[in-house]
């Protein structure tokens, strides 16, 4: 076992020469041992593909503990964390008020498969502070929420086709696990084995930020499109911030054609503000979906709409959707505690200003050195891109070759105690737990890493 681990790391070191200024690699011996063992249990050694570190150097880090803005791995390495369980930990790891609420509720049991008052409490908290929903349905994940929203849209409109955008990810349900084919407006092509071609052919895929493509799609499939689905701000394939005018156009063309507009706010919901991207843009989506942020990082999701649209959901209507553990009391408790904190006066202003100051300092440094590097930012979400473009608004604007630079940067940052998601296409998150001291430490580490990346360009 030990010899195989040595070979594994030797291979990685050979891929990336040690450069002046590089820090020695942190120890990953225990993580690597755990990974070798995990590969005997799970496909690829992981329970979600992005965790496999295939896009960066070394083996996955097995996380042992999180507190505040920090995580510790199995080897005892400490990191300032900007992954935040992929976004939902807006208060940081293990926040006291969430932990105390969960612990209190757990004393009475952890699962009933029956209604509890906690569901009412969390729902009231959301509906009273979000004008985009009048009724909601809790689920156990964001993927499940989106899948259910799609079914609702089809049932409500009596249409079958869904339109999505290239570069947007909406979970791994069959009808949305598709990519664009050749041509401006295309039926989706399956992006995974196991998705029937007939499923993909009910999904139309068009480029983001392309009014012509959208207009052509509605003309070509007149009266067939049940809904258009878009991430509130596309943030699963880079941070593809859309102009407000495009969102207005999208909203109007859906209205003109009798199609519903679905905002997938699994990343942006309660992150950009309590009303998410819909509130940020002043948009009025017909259906919204949310994910784990509303449960403090515990497995939970939600979709919501007007009372009239939601009236089509079983048992009131004919669109069937169920979940044995939907509204799980532990997740509801975490959500009540977390969302109560987010409603505190000035919460988002303080968080977003902190994030803006952090990314502005990084961008000023890169610009002063003429580095081909941009930090894209909205609210407390940021994305590092090795580009000289001032805007990246569609998937084709991203240069795949730039991911080699991120690969170097990721390794340098790990060695300096900074944890980002292990892919250059993933965004980062600032949490309320990141103090200015930690952000300044992280910024210095990022600047050092950029110098190394561009020293060997």
Protein backbone atom coordinates (compact mmCIF):
# COMPACT_ATOMS: atom_id res chain seq x y z
CA UNK A 1 0.00 0.00 0.00
CA UNK A 2 2.69 2.50 1.00
CA UNK A 3 4.66 1.89 -2.20
CA UNK A 4 1.58 2.49 -4.34
CA UNK A 5 0.97 5.78 -2.52
CA UNK A 6 4.55 6.86 -3.09
CA UNK A 7 4.21 6.12 -6.80
CA UNK A 8 0.95 8.05 -6.91
CA UNK A 9 2.55 11.17 -5.51
CA UNK A 10 5.74 10.71 -7.50
CA UNK A 11 3.65 10.78 -10.65
CA UNK A 12 1.98 14.02 -9.63
CA UNK A 13 5.30 15.65 -8.81
CA UNK A 14 6.61 14.64 -12.20
CA UNK A 15 3.65 16.30 -13.90
CA UNK A 16 4.41 19.62 -12.26
CA UNK A 17 8.05 20.64 -11.80
CA UNK A 18 8.90 22.31 -8.52
CA UNK A 19 9.08 26.02 -9.34
CA UNK A 20 10.83 28.83 -7.50
CA UNK A 21 8.46 30.05 -4.82
CA UNK A 22 6.46 26.81 -4.69
CA UNK A 23 5.71 25.48 -1.25
CA UNK A 24 6.37 21.81 -0.43
CA UNK A 25 3.37 19.56 -0.90
CA UNK A 26 1.30 19.05 2.21
CA UNK A 27 1.09 15.53 3.57
CA UNK A 28 -1.83 13.60 2.15
CA UNK A 29 -0.76 10.18 3.41
CA UNK A 30 -3.88 9.46 5.47
CA UNK A 31 -6.22 10.92 2.85
CA UNK A 32 -4.49 8.83 0.20
CA UNK A 33 -4.83 5.68 2.30
CA UNK A 34 -8.53 6.40 2.82
CA UNK A 35 -8.94 7.02 -0.91
CA UNK A 36 -7.33 3.69 -1.80
CA UNK A 37 -9.72 1.96 0.58
CA UNK A 38 -12.71 3.97 -0.71
CA UNK A 39 -12.02 2.77 -4.25
CA UNK A 40 -12.84 -0.75 -3.10
CA UNK A 41 -16.27 0.45 -1.92
CA UNK A 42 -17.38 3.21 -4.32
CA UNK A 43 -17.04 3.84 -8.09
CA UNK A 44 -13.92 5.98 -8.43
CA UNK A 45 -13.60 6.00 -4.67
CA UNK A 46 -16.19 8.76 -4.23
CA UNK A 47 -19.92 9.31 -3.86
CA UNK A 48 -20.01 12.29 -6.21
CA UNK A 49 -17.72 12.60 -9.26
CA UNK A 50 -16.38 16.12 -8.67
CA UNK A 51 -14.82 14.96 -5.39
CA UNK A 52 -12.37 12.69 -7.21
CA UNK A 53 -9.77 15.44 -7.88
CA UNK A 54 -9.51 14.33 -11.52
CA UNK A 55 -9.02 17.94 -12.66
CA UNK A 56 -6.28 18.84 -10.17
CA UNK A 57 -3.15 17.33 -8.64
CA UNK A 58 -3.06 14.63 -5.99
CA UNK A 59 -5.71 12.57 -4.28
CA UNK A 60 -8.91 13.90 -2.70
CA UNK A 61 -8.65 15.35 0.77
CA UNK A 62 -10.77 13.48 3.29
CA UNK A 63 -12.26 16.15 5.53
CA UNK A 64 -12.41 15.37 9.22
CA UNK A 65 -13.72 18.58 10.76
CA UNK A 66 -15.12 22.00 9.92
CA UNK A 67 -15.52 25.04 12.13
CA UNK A 68 -16.14 28.63 11.10
CA UNK A 69 -14.30 29.28 7.85
CA UNK A 70 -11.87 26.40 8.40
CA UNK A 71 -11.73 22.70 7.53
CA UNK A 72 -9.22 20.10 8.65
CA UNK A 73 -8.35 16.97 6.69
CA UNK A 74 -7.46 13.48 7.91
CA UNK A 75 -3.76 14.42 7.95
CA UNK A 76 -4.40 17.35 10.26
CA UNK A 77 -3.90 20.03 7.60
CA UNK A 78 -5.94 23.19 8.22
CA UNK A 79 -7.46 25.18 5.36
CA UNK A 80 -9.41 28.39 4.91
CA UNK A 81 -12.41 26.99 3.06
CA UNK A 82 -14.05 28.69 0.08
CA UNK A 83 -16.02 25.64 -1.02
CA UNK A 84 -18.44 25.67 1.90
CA UNK A 85 -20.00 22.30 1.04
CA UNK A 86 -20.54 23.73 -2.47
CA UNK A 87 -22.28 26.87 -1.25
CA UNK A 88 -24.90 26.21 1.42
CA UNK A 89 -22.68 27.02 4.41
CA UNK A 90 -23.29 30.76 4.20
CA UNK A 91 -22.79 31.02 7.98
CA UNK A 92 -19.66 28.89 7.85
CA UNK A 93 -19.07 25.42 9.27
CA UNK A 94 -20.87 24.24 12.39
CA UNK A 95 -22.50 27.57 13.34
CA UNK A 96 -23.56 27.60 16.96
CA UNK A 97 -27.20 28.63 16.50
CA UNK A 98 -27.81 25.99 13.83
CA UNK A 99 -26.06 23.31 15.85
CA UNK A 100 -28.04 24.16 19.00
CA UNK A 101 -31.38 24.14 17.17
CA UNK A 102 -30.63 20.80 15.52
CA UNK A 103 -29.47 19.27 18.81
CA UNK A 104 -32.63 20.46 20.56
CA UNK A 105 -34.94 18.99 17.92
CA UNK A 106 -33.03 15.69 17.70
CA UNK A 107 -33.88 14.96 21.33
CA UNK A 108 -37.46 14.29 20.17
CA UNK A 109 -36.55 12.04 17.24
CA UNK A 110 -34.94 12.42 13.85
CA UNK A 111 -37.46 11.11 11.33
CA UNK A 112 -41.20 10.48 11.32
CA UNK A 113 -42.40 10.45 7.71
CA UNK A 114 -45.32 12.51 9.02
CA UNK A 115 -46.08 16.25 9.30
CA UNK A 116 -44.41 18.31 12.03
CA UNK A 117 -44.87 21.90 13.16
CA UNK A 118 -41.28 22.58 12.06
CA UNK A 119 -42.34 22.32 8.41
CA UNK A 120 -44.94 25.04 8.99
CA UNK A 121 -42.44 27.22 10.79
CA UNK A 122 -39.82 27.07 8.04
CA UNK A 123 -42.40 27.49 5.29
CA UNK A 124 -43.85 30.58 6.96
CA UNK A 125 -40.36 32.06 7.34
CA UNK A 126 -39.74 31.61 3.60
CA UNK A 127 -43.13 32.65 2.22
CA UNK A 128 -43.39 35.77 4.38
CA UNK A 129 -40.04 37.00 3.08
CA UNK A 130 -40.12 35.88 -0.56
CA UNK A 131 -42.74 37.38 -2.85
CA UNK A 132 -42.03 34.81 -5.58
CA UNK A 133 -43.71 31.93 -3.76
CA UNK A 134 -47.15 31.51 -2.23
CA UNK A 135 -46.95 27.77 -1.63
CA UNK A 136 -43.98 25.43 -1.49
CA UNK A 137 -43.11 21.75 -1.35
CA UNK A 138 -40.02 20.51 0.51
CA UNK A 139 -37.88 17.77 -1.03
CA UNK A 140 -34.67 16.03 0.01
CA UNK A 141 -32.31 17.58 -2.57
CA UNK A 142 -31.97 20.29 -5.19
CA UNK A 143 -32.00 17.68 -7.96
CA UNK A 144 -35.32 16.36 -6.68
CA UNK A 145 -36.74 19.90 -6.46
CA UNK A 146 -35.80 20.66 -10.07
CA UNK A 147 -37.09 17.31 -11.34
CA UNK A 148 -40.41 17.99 -9.60
CA UNK A 149 -40.61 21.54 -10.94
CA UNK A 150 -40.17 20.22 -14.49
CA UNK A 151 -42.99 17.72 -13.98
CA UNK A 152 -45.18 20.47 -12.54
CA UNK A 153 -44.52 22.73 -15.55
CA UNK A 154 -45.43 19.94 -17.96
CA UNK A 155 -48.56 19.08 -16.04
CA UNK A 156 -49.65 22.70 -15.72
CA UNK A 157 -49.15 23.60 -19.40
CA UNK A 158 -50.05 20.20 -20.93
CA UNK A 159 -46.84 20.51 -22.99
CA UNK A 160 -43.86 18.16 -23.06
CA UNK A 161 -40.75 20.03 -24.17
CA UNK A 162 -38.32 21.81 -21.87
CA UNK A 163 -35.76 24.40 -22.97
CA UNK A 164 -32.46 24.67 -21.12
CA UNK A 165 -29.19 26.48 -21.76
CA UNK A 166 -25.79 25.07 -22.60
CA UNK A 167 -23.53 25.51 -19.57
CA UNK A 168 -26.33 25.30 -16.99
CA UNK A 169 -26.54 22.31 -14.67
CA UNK A 170 -29.79 21.31 -12.99
CA UNK A 171 -28.97 18.06 -11.25
CA UNK A 172 -28.77 14.56 -12.65
CA UNK A 173 -32.39 13.87 -13.61
CA UNK A 174 -32.72 12.27 -17.05
CA UNK A 175 -34.51 15.07 -18.89
CA UNK A 176 -31.88 17.64 -17.88
CA UNK A 177 -28.69 15.59 -18.11
CA UNK A 178 -28.25 16.71 -21.70
CA UNK A 179 -25.88 18.88 -23.70
CA UNK A 180 -26.19 20.81 -26.94
CA UNK A 181 -25.89 19.07 -30.29
CA UNK A 182 -24.58 20.77 -33.42
CA UNK A 183 -26.47 23.85 -34.57
CA UNK A 184 -27.90 26.96 -32.98
CA UNK A 185 -31.11 25.34 -31.72
CA UNK A 186 -30.87 21.61 -31.08
CA UNK A 187 -32.50 18.76 -29.28
CA UNK A 188 -30.38 17.75 -26.34
CA UNK A 189 -27.86 14.96 -26.67
CA UNK A 190 -27.42 12.75 -23.63
CA UNK A 191 -24.38 13.66 -21.55
CA UNK A 192 -24.54 10.40 -19.63
CA UNK A 193 -24.92 6.75 -20.50
CA UNK A 194 -28.23 5.41 -19.30
CA UNK A 195 -30.32 8.40 -20.41
CA UNK A 196 -32.67 7.25 -23.21
CA UNK A 197 -32.45 9.24 -26.42
CA UNK A 198 -36.21 9.73 -26.29
CA UNK A 199 -35.85 11.57 -22.96
CA UNK A 200 -33.18 13.89 -24.32
CA UNK A 201 -35.31 14.67 -27.37
CA UNK A 202 -37.88 16.35 -25.13
CA UNK A 203 -35.21 18.87 -24.09
CA UNK A 204 -34.14 21.73 -26.35
CA UNK A 205 -30.70 23.21 -25.68
CA UNK A 206 -29.66 26.72 -26.78
CA UNK A 207 -26.64 28.92 -25.99
CA UNK A 208 -26.81 31.37 -23.13
CA UNK A 209 -27.05 35.08 -23.85
CA UNK A 210 -28.28 34.52 -27.41
CA UNK A 211 -31.61 36.17 -28.18
CA UNK A 212 -31.64 34.89 -31.74
CA UNK A 213 -31.36 31.28 -30.60
CA UNK A 214 -34.14 31.72 -28.07
CA UNK A 215 -36.44 33.38 -30.59
CA UNK A 216 -35.70 30.67 -33.15
CA UNK A 217 -36.44 27.93 -30.61
CA UNK A 218 -39.87 29.33 -29.77
CA UNK A 219 -40.62 29.69 -33.48
CA UNK A 220 -39.49 26.17 -34.30
CA UNK A 221 -41.35 24.58 -31.39
CA UNK A 222 -44.38 26.83 -31.22
CA UNK A 223 -46.86 25.87 -28.48
CA UNK A 224 -44.71 22.89 -27.46
CA UNK A 225 -42.40 24.35 -24.79
CA UNK A 226 -43.73 23.82 -21.26
CA UNK A 227 -40.95 25.74 -19.55
CA UNK A 228 -37.58 27.41 -19.88
CA UNK A 229 -35.20 26.61 -17.04
CA UNK A 230 -32.12 28.66 -16.19
CA UNK A 231 -29.85 28.86 -13.18
CA UNK A 232 -30.59 32.11 -11.36
CA UNK A 233 -27.00 32.99 -12.16
CA UNK A 234 -25.30 30.12 -14.04
CA UNK A 235 -22.61 28.99 -11.60
CA UNK A 236 -21.89 25.33 -12.34
CA UNK A 237 -19.72 25.94 -15.40
CA UNK A 238 -17.90 29.08 -14.39
CA UNK A 239 -19.80 32.14 -13.20
CA UNK A 240 -21.77 33.20 -16.28
CA UNK A 241 -23.40 36.42 -15.08
CA UNK A 242 -26.23 37.44 -17.41
CA UNK A 243 -27.27 41.04 -18.10
CA UNK A 244 -30.56 42.17 -16.58
CA UNK A 245 -31.83 43.02 -20.07
CA UNK A 246 -31.40 39.40 -21.17
CA UNK A 247 -33.31 38.13 -18.13
CA UNK A 248 -36.11 40.58 -18.97
CA UNK A 249 -36.15 39.32 -22.57
CA UNK A 250 -36.26 35.72 -21.35
CA UNK A 251 -39.14 36.47 -19.03
CA UNK A 252 -41.13 38.26 -21.75
CA UNK A 253 -40.65 35.62 -24.45
CA UNK A 254 -41.87 32.94 -22.02
CA UNK A 255 -44.94 35.02 -21.19
CA UNK A 256 -45.67 35.71 -24.87
CA UNK A 257 -45.54 31.99 -25.67
CA UNK A 258 -47.43 30.64 -22.69
CA UNK A 259 -44.34 28.89 -21.28
CA UNK A 260 -43.33 28.93 -17.64
CA UNK A 261 -39.99 30.36 -16.51
CA UNK A 262 -38.18 28.26 -13.91
CA UNK A 263 -35.35 29.79 -11.91
CA UNK A 264 -33.06 27.06 -10.57
CA UNK A 265 -31.76 28.81 -7.46
CA UNK A 266 -30.04 25.83 -5.88
CA UNK A 267 -26.81 27.89 -5.75
CA UNK A 268 -28.13 31.47 -5.79
CA UNK A 269 -31.21 31.08 -3.58
CA UNK A 270 -30.70 32.72 -0.15
CA UNK A 271 -27.11 33.36 -1.26
CA UNK A 272 -27.41 36.56 -3.32
CA UNK A 273 -30.14 37.76 -0.99
CA UNK A 274 -33.15 36.23 0.70
CA UNK A 275 -34.97 36.26 -2.66
CA UNK A 276 -31.89 35.02 -4.52
CA UNK A 277 -31.27 35.87 -8.17
CA UNK A 278 -34.96 36.62 -8.72
CA UNK A 279 -34.69 39.42 -6.19
CA UNK A 280 -31.33 40.54 -7.57
CA UNK A 281 -32.72 40.93 -11.10
CA UNK A 282 -36.21 42.01 -10.09
CA UNK A 283 -37.46 39.05 -12.14
CA UNK A 284 -40.72 37.16 -11.68
CA UNK A 285 -40.10 33.47 -12.40
CA UNK A 286 -43.14 31.22 -12.41
CA UNK A 287 -41.43 28.46 -10.42
CA UNK A 288 -38.31 28.63 -8.24
CA UNK A 289 -36.19 25.79 -6.87
CA UNK A 290 -33.81 25.88 -3.92
CA UNK A 291 -31.31 23.49 -2.39
CA UNK A 292 -29.29 22.73 0.70
CA UNK A 293 -28.68 26.31 1.81
CA UNK A 294 -32.22 26.40 3.21
CA UNK A 295 -31.30 23.49 5.48
CA UNK A 296 -27.98 24.78 6.73
CA UNK A 297 -26.18 22.28 4.49
CA UNK A 298 -28.30 19.26 5.44
CA UNK A 299 -29.96 17.29 2.61
CA UNK A 300 -33.02 19.35 1.67
CA UNK A 301 -34.54 21.09 -1.32
CA UNK A 302 -37.68 23.02 -2.18
CA UNK A 303 -39.73 24.25 -5.09
CA UNK A 304 -42.40 26.90 -4.98
CA UNK A 305 -44.71 29.01 -7.09
CA UNK A 306 -48.06 30.77 -6.94
CA UNK A 307 -50.87 29.03 -5.10
CA UNK A 308 -52.59 28.54 -8.45
CA UNK A 309 -49.67 26.69 -10.04
CA UNK A 310 -48.87 24.72 -6.89
CA UNK A 311 -52.52 23.67 -6.74
CA UNK A 312 -51.71 21.18 -9.50
CA UNK A 313 -49.47 19.17 -7.15
CA UNK A 314 -50.86 16.01 -5.54
CA UNK A 315 -52.91 15.63 -3.39
CA UNK A 316 -54.64 18.84 -4.57
CA UNK A 317 -53.97 18.20 -8.27
CA UNK A 318 -52.95 15.55 -10.74
CA UNK A 319 -49.15 16.10 -10.80
CA UNK A 320 -47.72 13.41 -8.55
CA UNK A 321 -44.69 14.07 -6.39
CA UNK A 322 -43.81 12.50 -3.07
CA UNK A 323 -40.90 12.06 -0.65
CA UNK A 324 -40.81 9.84 2.41
CA UNK A 325 -38.28 12.07 4.17
CA UNK A 326 -39.43 15.42 2.75
CA UNK A 327 -39.69 17.94 5.57
CA UNK A 328 -37.33 15.91 7.76
CA UNK A 329 -37.41 17.57 11.21
CA UNK A 330 -33.63 17.80 11.56
CA UNK A 331 -33.27 19.59 8.22
CA UNK A 332 -36.24 21.84 9.03
CA UNK A 333 -34.66 22.79 12.35
CA UNK A 334 -31.36 23.66 10.67
CA UNK A 335 -33.24 25.72 8.08
CA UNK A 336 -35.18 27.69 10.68
CA UNK A 337 -31.98 28.59 12.51
CA UNK A 338 -30.01 29.45 9.37
CA UNK A 339 -32.68 31.51 7.59
CA UNK A 340 -33.43 33.43 10.78
CA UNK A 341 -29.81 34.57 10.78
CA UNK A 342 -29.98 35.54 7.11
CA UNK A 343 -32.95 37.81 7.85
CA UNK A 344 -30.90 39.77 10.36
CA UNK A 345 -30.71 43.45 9.36
CA UNK A 346 -27.63 44.18 7.25
CA UNK A 347 -26.58 40.54 6.89
CA UNK A 348 -26.29 40.50 3.10
CA UNK A 349 -24.82 44.00 2.84
CA UNK A 350 -22.04 43.07 5.25
CA UNK A 351 -21.35 39.73 3.58
CA UNK A 352 -21.38 41.05 0.01
CA UNK A 353 -19.20 44.06 0.85
CA UNK A 354 -16.66 41.74 2.48
CA UNK A 355 -16.60 39.52 -0.61
CA UNK A 356 -16.28 42.51 -2.97
CA UNK A 357 -13.33 43.89 -1.04
CA UNK A 358 -11.65 40.47 -1.14
CA UNK A 359 -12.01 39.93 -4.89
CA UNK A 360 -11.23 43.57 -5.78
CA UNK A 361 -7.87 43.30 -4.06
CA UNK A 362 -7.01 40.16 -6.03
CA UNK A 363 -8.09 41.73 -9.31
CA UNK A 364 -6.09 44.91 -8.72
CA UNK A 365 -2.97 42.82 -8.17
CA UNK A 366 -3.51 40.74 -11.33
CA UNK A 367 -4.26 43.83 -13.43
CA UNK A 368 -1.18 45.66 -12.17
CA UNK A 369 0.98 42.71 -13.25
CA UNK A 370 -0.79 42.35 -16.60
CA UNK A 371 -1.80 38.80 -15.77
CA UNK A 372 -4.41 37.20 -18.04
CA UNK A 373 -6.70 36.64 -15.09
CA UNK A 374 -10.13 37.85 -14.02
CA UNK A 375 -12.15 37.43 -10.86
CA UNK A 376 -15.86 37.38 -11.62
CA UNK A 377 -18.09 38.14 -8.66
CA UNK A 378 -21.74 38.52 -7.74
CA UNK A 379 -22.79 38.85 -4.12
CA UNK A 380 -20.64 36.46 -2.09
CA UNK A 381 -19.92 34.15 -5.05
CA UNK A 382 -16.67 34.43 -7.01
CA UNK A 383 -14.88 32.61 -9.82
CA UNK A 384 -11.24 32.67 -10.90
CA UNK A 385 -10.81 32.66 -14.68
CA UNK A 386 -7.56 32.70 -16.62
CA UNK A 387 -8.80 35.03 -19.33
CA UNK A 388 -8.56 38.63 -20.51
CA UNK A 389 -12.31 38.85 -21.26
CA UNK A 390 -14.25 41.39 -19.25
CA UNK A 391 -17.37 39.24 -19.55
CA UNK A 392 -17.90 35.51 -19.81
CA UNK A 393 -21.58 34.81 -20.35
CA UNK A 394 -21.72 31.48 -22.16
CA UNK A 395 -19.91 28.17 -22.02
CA UNK A 396 -18.05 28.74 -25.30
CA UNK A 397 -16.33 31.80 -23.83
CA UNK A 398 -14.28 29.58 -21.51
CA UNK A 399 -10.94 28.37 -22.84
CA UNK A 400 -10.48 24.72 -21.78
CA UNK A 401 -6.69 25.15 -21.98
CA UNK A 402 -6.88 27.68 -19.14
CA UNK A 403 -7.73 24.85 -16.76
CA UNK A 404 -4.07 23.83 -16.74
CA UNK A 405 -3.27 27.11 -15.00
CA UNK A 406 -6.00 26.51 -12.45
CA UNK A 407 -4.54 23.07 -11.81
CA UNK A 408 -1.24 24.65 -10.80
CA UNK A 409 -3.00 27.33 -8.77
CA UNK A 410 -5.09 24.76 -6.89
CA UNK A 411 -2.01 22.84 -5.80
CA UNK A 412 -0.20 26.00 -4.71
CA UNK A 413 -3.23 27.11 -2.70
CA UNK A 414 -3.63 23.78 -0.94
CA UNK A 415 0.02 23.99 0.05
CA UNK A 416 -0.70 27.44 1.50
CA UNK A 417 -3.77 26.33 3.44
CA UNK A 418 -6.51 27.49 1.05
CA UNK A 419 -9.27 25.10 -0.06
CA UNK A 420 -11.19 25.64 -3.30
CA UNK A 421 -13.40 23.22 -5.18
CA UNK A 422 -11.19 20.83 -7.22
CA UNK A 423 -12.13 22.17 -10.67
CA UNK A 424 -11.49 25.41 -12.50
CA UNK A 425 -15.13 25.47 -13.57
CA UNK A 426 -16.37 25.62 -9.97
CA UNK A 427 -17.14 28.84 -8.12
CA UNK A 428 -16.04 29.85 -4.63
CA UNK A 429 -18.05 31.24 -1.72
CA UNK A 430 -17.35 33.75 1.02
CA UNK A 431 -19.25 33.05 4.24
CA UNK A 432 -20.19 35.15 7.24
CA UNK A 433 -17.52 33.22 9.16
CA UNK A 434 -14.68 34.56 7.01
CA UNK A 435 -13.17 37.42 8.98
CA UNK A 436 -11.13 40.16 7.33
CA UNK A 437 -8.04 38.60 8.90
CA UNK A 438 -8.64 35.23 7.21
CA UNK A 439 -9.58 36.89 3.94
CA UNK A 440 -6.35 38.88 3.99
CA UNK A 441 -4.35 35.68 4.63
CA UNK A 442 -6.17 33.97 1.79
CA UNK A 443 -5.61 36.92 -0.52
CA UNK A 444 -1.84 36.88 0.11
CA UNK A 445 -1.76 33.15 -0.64
CA UNK A 446 -3.70 33.67 -3.87
CA UNK A 447 -1.33 36.43 -5.00
CA UNK A 448 1.67 34.19 -4.35
CA UNK A 449 0.03 31.38 -6.29
CA UNK A 450 -0.71 33.69 -9.24
CA UNK A 451 2.94 34.76 -9.37
CA UNK A 452 3.98 31.11 -9.63
CA UNK A 453 1.37 30.30 -12.29
CA UNK A 454 2.43 33.19 -14.50
CA UNK A 455 6.15 32.81 -13.84
CA UNK A 456 5.94 29.63 -15.88
CA UNK A 457 3.34 30.62 -18.48
